[in-house]
Amino acid sequence: MIPSASSFPPGWPIIPDSATTPAPSSSDDQERDRRREARRLTVHVAAQLQARMSATFLPPVEALVTEGLTRLRSAIKIYRSGRKIDDLTAVQLGLDLQIVQIRDEAWIALDASADLFTDLGLWEDLTKIVDKACLPPISSLVAFMAWRRERFDIAHDAALAALKIDPSYDLAHLVHDAVHDGIPPSWCQPIAIAAARLGSGRPNPSWMEPLRQKITLYTQTTG
């Protein structure tokens, strides 16, 4: 079951799903147009990234990771100051979050958040703007936040939403299995898990593979 508005308390992001969303009405035109524009922006940003990654023998991993981390940290600060990011930045973050180090940075920041509902504004906006193919990291982070706060129904539904798009997505599996097996949220320490996976070395070209797959998706298709 994909999360619906009725299953979330006020303030929790809703993960969109075309199979369960009612047929659009005239009042949905603006949102539909915004998503169409976000898709166009995603294709544009993906083409730029493809050009950068193909310009050298090895992809500029360190530069892309540094830029993505800077964009993520800036977005968090912007929302904590009561402002919002623009659609282009949201689309860029949607692609940034395909890189596991950036996704894990967001994971750690959310787990340590002292003002969760302020921080949730960023993820709510991302679920509204980011193209569906890029949603698994975002949906999985929502699932993790819900699980850590013992909202197991929301965690389950958000994890399933991610897995419906990408059945192999690791963080979605972690949360889904934890909820299914009754593992207490205190078991999970994101900092330790991220450190064990990423180690202390420099960014690895293999981290780019999920992003490379999304770039291929958007540059080989249209609309």
Protein backbone atom coordinates (compact mmCIF):
# COMPACT_ATOMS: atom_id res chain seq x y z
CA MET A 1 0.00 0.00 0.00
CA ILE A 2 1.35 3.41 -1.00
CA PRO A 3 1.05 6.18 1.60
CA SER A 4 -1.99 8.37 1.17
CA ALA A 5 -2.89 11.66 2.77
CA SER A 6 -5.16 9.94 5.30
CA SER A 7 -2.35 7.69 6.56
CA PHE A 8 0.00 10.57 7.41
CA PRO A 9 -0.30 12.98 10.32
CA PRO A 10 -0.05 16.67 9.44
CA GLY A 11 3.43 17.61 8.31
CA TRP A 12 4.54 14.22 6.98
CA PRO A 13 5.48 14.11 3.30
CA ILE A 14 3.18 12.21 0.98
CA ILE A 15 4.82 9.90 -1.55
CA PRO A 16 2.91 10.29 -4.84
CA ASP A 17 1.81 7.23 -6.78
CA SER A 18 -0.11 7.37 -10.03
CA ALA A 19 -1.86 4.03 -9.38
CA THR A 20 -3.61 5.33 -6.25
CA THR A 21 -3.99 9.02 -7.09
CA PRO A 22 -7.51 10.09 -8.17
CA ALA A 23 -8.00 11.33 -11.70
CA PRO A 24 -6.81 14.94 -11.93
CA SER A 25 -9.35 17.74 -11.84
CA SER A 26 -9.03 21.30 -13.07
CA SER A 27 -7.59 22.28 -9.68
CA ASP A 28 -4.69 19.89 -10.32
CA ASP A 29 -3.56 21.65 -13.49
CA GLN A 30 -0.97 23.80 -11.75
CA GLU A 31 0.58 20.82 -9.97
CA ARG A 32 0.61 18.79 -13.19
CA ASP A 33 2.29 21.66 -15.04
CA ARG A 34 4.86 21.97 -12.26
CA ARG A 35 5.72 18.28 -12.51
CA ARG A 36 5.99 18.50 -16.27
CA GLU A 37 8.39 21.42 -15.89
CA ALA A 38 10.34 19.47 -13.23
CA ARG A 39 10.64 16.56 -15.67
CA ARG A 40 11.97 18.95 -18.31
CA LEU A 41 14.46 20.34 -15.81
CA THR A 42 15.51 16.81 -14.83
CA VAL A 43 16.26 15.92 -18.45
CA HIS A 44 18.22 19.16 -18.82
CA VAL A 45 20.27 18.63 -15.63
CA ALA A 46 20.88 14.98 -16.54
CA ALA A 47 22.23 16.04 -19.95
CA GLN A 48 24.60 18.50 -18.26
CA LEU A 49 25.81 15.80 -15.88
CA GLN A 50 26.31 13.37 -18.74
CA ALA A 51 28.47 15.92 -20.53
CA ARG A 52 30.59 16.45 -17.41
CA MET A 53 30.99 12.74 -16.73
CA SER A 54 31.98 11.93 -20.32
CA ALA A 55 34.40 14.83 -20.70
CA THR A 56 37.16 13.01 -18.83
CA PHE A 57 38.42 9.43 -18.72
CA LEU A 58 37.24 9.10 -15.10
CA PRO A 59 34.05 10.79 -13.83
CA PRO A 60 34.65 13.84 -11.60
CA VAL A 61 33.46 11.91 -8.56
CA GLU A 62 34.94 14.12 -5.87
CA ALA A 63 33.63 17.31 -7.46
CA LEU A 64 30.12 15.92 -7.92
CA VAL A 65 29.98 14.61 -4.36
CA THR A 66 31.27 17.90 -2.95
CA GLU A 67 28.76 19.92 -4.97
CA GLY A 68 25.90 17.64 -3.94
CA LEU A 69 26.80 17.75 -0.25
CA THR A 70 27.07 21.55 -0.41
CA ARG A 71 23.65 21.76 -2.08
CA LEU A 72 22.08 19.43 0.52
CA ARG A 73 23.52 21.33 3.49
CA SER A 74 22.48 24.64 1.97
CA ALA A 75 18.92 23.36 1.40
CA ILE A 76 18.62 22.22 5.02
CA LYS A 77 19.78 25.66 6.21
CA ILE A 78 17.36 27.40 3.87
CA TYR A 79 14.38 25.48 5.23
CA ARG A 80 15.48 26.02 8.82
CA SER A 81 15.47 29.76 8.09
CA GLY A 82 11.86 29.57 6.92
CA ARG A 83 12.58 29.81 3.20
CA LYS A 84 12.27 27.32 0.33
CA ILE A 85 14.45 26.14 -2.52
CA ASP A 86 13.48 26.62 -6.16
CA ASP A 87 12.42 23.80 -8.48
CA LEU A 88 15.80 23.63 -10.24
CA THR A 89 17.59 23.09 -6.92
CA ALA A 90 15.01 20.43 -5.95
CA VAL A 91 15.62 18.60 -9.24
CA GLN A 92 19.38 18.80 -8.72
CA LEU A 93 18.98 17.39 -5.21
CA GLY A 94 16.82 14.58 -6.56
CA LEU A 95 19.76 13.53 -8.73
CA ASP A 96 22.37 14.26 -6.03
CA LEU A 97 20.60 11.88 -3.66
CA GLN A 98 21.19 8.99 -6.04
CA ILE A 99 24.81 9.11 -4.81
CA VAL A 100 24.97 7.01 -1.66
CA GLN A 101 27.31 9.33 0.25
CA ILE A 102 24.95 12.26 -0.23
CA ARG A 103 21.91 10.15 0.64
CA ASP A 104 23.66 8.98 3.81
CA GLU A 105 24.57 12.55 4.76
CA ALA A 106 20.86 13.37 4.62
CA TRP A 107 20.09 10.22 6.60
CA ILE A 108 22.48 11.24 9.39
CA ALA A 109 21.24 14.84 9.41
CA LEU A 110 17.62 13.77 9.74
CA ASP A 111 18.40 11.33 12.52
CA ALA A 112 20.15 14.09 14.47
CA SER A 113 17.53 16.75 13.69
CA ALA A 114 16.43 18.84 16.66
CA ASP A 115 13.56 20.32 14.64
CA LEU A 116 12.17 17.47 12.58
CA PHE A 117 9.00 19.14 11.39
CA THR A 118 10.95 22.11 10.03
CA ASP A 119 13.29 19.72 8.25
CA LEU A 120 10.34 17.74 6.91
CA GLY A 121 9.39 20.73 4.78
CA LEU A 122 12.35 20.05 2.50
CA TRP A 123 11.42 16.40 1.99
CA GLU A 124 7.75 17.26 1.49
CA ASP A 125 8.67 19.67 -1.29
CA LEU A 126 11.04 17.14 -2.86
CA THR A 127 8.28 14.52 -3.01
CA LYS A 128 6.11 17.05 -4.86
CA ILE A 129 8.74 18.19 -7.37
CA VAL A 130 11.26 15.40 -7.99
CA ASP A 131 10.48 13.06 -10.88
CA LYS A 132 9.15 9.67 -9.82
CA ALA A 133 12.18 7.68 -10.99
CA CYS A 134 14.36 9.66 -8.56
CA LEU A 135 12.07 9.24 -5.54
CA PRO A 136 13.40 6.03 -3.88
CA PRO A 137 16.07 7.80 -1.78
CA ILE A 138 13.56 10.45 -0.68
CA SER A 139 10.78 7.95 0.06
CA SER A 140 13.27 5.78 1.97
CA LEU A 141 14.38 8.72 4.08
CA VAL A 142 10.75 9.48 4.93
CA ALA A 143 10.34 5.80 5.84
CA PHE A 144 13.39 5.94 8.06
CA MET A 145 12.19 9.09 9.84
CA ALA A 146 8.83 7.48 10.51
CA TRP A 147 10.37 4.23 11.77
CA ARG A 148 12.76 6.04 14.13
CA ARG A 149 9.74 7.82 15.62
CA GLU A 150 7.76 4.58 15.88
CA ARG A 151 5.26 5.47 13.17
CA PHE A 152 5.56 1.97 11.78
CA ASP A 153 2.54 2.20 9.47
CA ILE A 154 3.97 5.23 7.71
CA ALA A 155 7.44 3.66 7.62
CA HIS A 156 6.05 0.50 6.02
CA ASP A 157 4.07 2.36 3.36
CA ALA A 158 6.87 4.77 2.46
CA ALA A 159 9.40 1.91 2.19
CA LEU A 160 7.01 0.03 -0.09
CA ALA A 161 6.62 3.16 -2.23
CA ALA A 162 10.38 3.23 -2.75
CA LEU A 163 10.55 -0.50 -3.47
CA LYS A 164 7.74 -0.24 -6.01
CA ILE A 165 9.93 2.12 -8.03
CA ASP A 166 13.23 0.33 -7.32
CA PRO A 167 12.81 -3.19 -5.84
CA SER A 168 16.51 -3.37 -4.96
CA TYR A 169 16.82 -0.07 -3.07
CA ASP A 170 18.93 -0.80 0.03
CA LEU A 171 17.64 1.75 2.57
CA ALA A 172 14.03 0.93 1.70
CA HIS A 173 14.79 -2.75 2.32
CA LEU A 174 16.45 -1.92 5.65
CA VAL A 175 13.39 -0.06 6.93
CA HIS A 176 10.87 -2.50 5.43
CA ASP A 177 12.64 -5.52 6.95
CA ALA A 178 13.07 -3.77 10.31
CA VAL A 179 9.35 -2.99 10.50
CA HIS A 180 8.38 -6.48 9.31
CA ASP A 181 10.71 -8.20 11.80
CA GLY A 182 9.82 -5.95 14.72
CA ILE A 183 13.36 -4.59 15.13
CA PRO A 184 13.36 -1.60 17.51
CA PRO A 185 14.43 1.76 16.04
CA SER A 186 17.16 2.04 18.67
CA TRP A 187 19.02 -0.73 16.82
CA CYS A 188 19.86 1.51 13.87
CA GLN A 189 22.73 3.96 14.09
CA PRO A 190 23.02 5.71 10.70
CA ILE A 191 26.46 7.19 11.44
CA ALA A 192 27.93 3.76 12.18
CA ILE A 193 26.24 2.12 9.17
CA ALA A 194 27.30 4.87 6.77
CA ALA A 195 30.86 4.86 8.09
CA ALA A 196 31.14 1.09 7.76
CA ARG A 197 29.90 1.18 4.17
CA LEU A 198 31.78 4.22 2.94
CA GLY A 199 34.94 3.93 4.99
CA SER A 200 37.33 6.83 5.32
CA GLY A 201 38.72 6.76 1.79
CA ARG A 202 38.19 9.21 -1.02
CA PRO A 203 34.99 9.09 -3.12
CA ASN A 204 34.86 5.94 -5.21
CA PRO A 205 33.77 5.94 -8.89
CA SER A 206 31.38 3.07 -8.06
CA TRP A 207 29.29 5.56 -6.07
CA MET A 208 28.33 7.14 -9.38
CA GLU A 209 26.60 4.05 -10.78
CA PRO A 210 23.05 4.82 -9.50
CA LEU A 211 23.40 8.39 -10.76
CA ARG A 212 24.78 7.15 -14.08
CA GLN A 213 21.73 4.91 -14.49
CA LYS A 214 19.38 7.84 -13.91
CA ILE A 215 21.33 10.00 -16.34
CA THR A 216 20.99 7.28 -18.98
CA LEU A 217 17.25 7.03 -18.27
CA TYR A 218 16.67 10.73 -18.78
CA THR A 219 19.00 11.30 -21.70
CA GLN A 220 17.69 8.35 -23.72
CA THR A 221 14.01 9.15 -23.22
CA THR A 222 11.96 12.28 -23.71
CA GLY A 223 8.97 13.94 -22.07
